[in-house]
C-alpha atoms as a PDB file:
ATOM      1  CA  MET A   1      68.217 157.252  38.067  1.00  0.00           C
ATOM      2  CA  GLU A   2      68.740 155.081  35.018  1.00  0.00           C
ATOM      3  CA  HIS A   3      71.914 154.947  32.952  1.00  0.00           C
ATOM      4  CA  SER A   4      73.504 152.501  30.552  1.00  0.00           C
ATOM      5  CA  PHE A   5      74.589 150.018  33.242  1.00  0.00           C
ATOM      6  CA  THR A   6      71.162 149.971  34.974  1.00  0.00           C
ATOM      7  CA  LYS A   7      69.967 147.585  32.274  1.00  0.00           C
ATOM      8  CA  ASN A   8      72.658 145.068  33.303  1.00  0.00           C
ATOM      9  CA  ILE A   9      71.686 145.271  36.977  1.00  0.00           C
ATOM     10  CA  LYS A  10      67.998 144.800  36.188  1.00  0.00           C
ATOM     11  CA  GLU A  11      68.752 141.878  33.861  1.00  0.00           C
ATOM     12  CA  ILE A  12      70.698 140.069  36.586  1.00  0.00           C
ATOM     13  CA  LEU A  13      67.865 140.661  39.059  1.00  0.00           C
ATOM     14  CA  LYS A  14      65.314 139.398  36.551  1.00  0.00           C
ATOM     15  CA  ASN A  15      67.300 136.188  36.016  1.00  0.00           C
ATOM     16  CA  ILE A  16      67.339 135.549  39.756  1.00  0.00           C
ATOM     17  CA  PHE A  17      64.003 136.938  40.985  1.00  0.00           C
ATOM     18  CA  ALA A  18      61.797 136.911  37.838  1.00  0.00           C
ATOM     19  CA  ASP A  19      58.662 139.010  38.304  1.00  0.00           C
ATOM     20  CA  LYS A  20      59.765 140.345  41.726  1.00  0.00           C
ATOM     21  CA  SER A  21      62.945 141.904  40.322  1.00  0.00           C
ATOM     22  CA  GLU A  22      61.567 145.407  39.745  1.00  0.00           C
ATOM     23  CA  ALA A  23      60.168 145.660  43.275  1.00  0.00           C
ATOM     24  CA  ILE A  24      63.454 144.443  44.724  1.00  0.00           C
ATOM     25  CA  PHE A  25      65.390 146.991  42.674  1.00  0.00           C
ATOM     26  CA  GLU A  26      63.122 149.839  43.814  1.00  0.00           C
ATOM     27  CA  LYS A  27      63.179 148.904  47.525  1.00  0.00           C
ATOM     28  CA  SER A  28      66.837 147.963  47.998  1.00  0.00           C
ATOM     29  CA  LEU A  29      69.007 150.841  49.176  1.00  0.00           C
ATOM     30  CA  LEU A  30      72.121 148.787  48.474  1.00  0.00           C
ATOM     31  CA  LEU A  31      71.071 148.217  44.863  1.00  0.00           C
ATOM     32  CA  GLN A  32      70.274 151.914  44.508  1.00  0.00           C
ATOM     33  CA  TYR A  33      73.780 152.736  45.759  1.00  0.00           C
ATOM     34  CA  ILE A  34      75.360 150.215  43.383  1.00  0.00           C
ATOM     35  CA  ASN A  35      73.305 151.640  40.529  1.00  0.00           C
ATOM     36  CA  LEU A  36      74.483 155.149  41.375  1.00  0.00           C
ATOM     37  CA  LYS A  37      78.137 154.141  41.612  1.00  0.00           C
ATOM     38  CA  THR A  38      78.132 152.150  38.353  1.00  0.00           C
ATOM     39  CA  LYS A  39      77.106 155.173  36.332  1.00  0.00           C
ATOM     40  CA  SER A  40      80.623 155.331  34.876  1.00  0.00           C
ATOM     41  CA  ALA A  41      81.012 151.577  34.289  1.00  0.00           C
ATOM     42  CA  ASN A  42      80.959 151.887  30.504  1.00  0.00           C
ATOM     43  CA  LYS A  43      83.271 154.909  30.366  1.00  0.00           C
ATOM     44  CA  GLY A  44      87.027 155.269  30.455  1.00  0.00           C
ATOM     45  CA  SER A  45      89.203 154.183  33.362  1.00  0.00           C
ATOM     46  CA  LYS A  46      89.722 157.757  34.625  1.00  0.00           C
ATOM     47  CA  SER A  47      86.022 158.121  35.404  1.00  0.00           C
ATOM     48  CA  ARG A  48      85.873 154.995  37.600  1.00  0.00           C
ATOM     49  CA  ALA A  49      87.337 156.349  40.849  1.00  0.00           C
ATOM     50  CA  ASN A  50      84.374 155.159  42.961  1.00  0.00           C
ATOM     51  CA  PHE A  51      84.864 151.480  42.234  1.00  0.00           C
ATOM     52  CA  ALA A  52      86.916 150.971  45.419  1.00  0.00           C
ATOM     53  CA  ASN A  53      83.707 151.301  47.457  1.00  0.00           C
ATOM     54  CA  LEU A  54      81.981 148.762  45.227  1.00  0.00           C
ATOM     55  CA  TYR A  55      84.871 146.360  45.672  1.00  0.00           C
ATOM     56  CA  ALA A  56      84.577 146.718  49.458  1.00  0.00           C
ATOM     57  CA  ILE A  57      80.876 145.772  49.229  1.00  0.00           C
ATOM     58  CA  TYR A  58      81.802 142.803  47.040  1.00  0.00           C
ATOM     59  CA  VAL A  59      84.369 141.581  49.576  1.00  0.00           C
ATOM     60  CA  ILE A  60      81.898 141.829  52.458  1.00  0.00           C
ATOM     61  CA  ILE A  61      79.252 139.910  50.519  1.00  0.00           C
ATOM     62  CA  ASP A  62      81.800 137.299  49.442  1.00  0.00           C
ATOM     63  CA  ILE A  63      82.866 136.754  53.059  1.00  0.00           C
ATOM     64  CA  LEU A  64      79.243 136.321  54.155  1.00  0.00           C
ATOM     65  CA  GLU A  65      78.587 133.571  51.628  1.00  0.00           C
END
């Protein structure tokens, strides 16, 4: 599924992984989940109820660094 925020995700991946970015996006279940949950990223604050789960993922990744 592609939406307005998918472009941002793919751009970040391209900056990091260059020509492998599309394959990484397609194969990563975590990136697919993030893509699904950021569908409302460019909409109003009332439509962003799922961002708590994304923040939890962010915290786990930040701890692992």
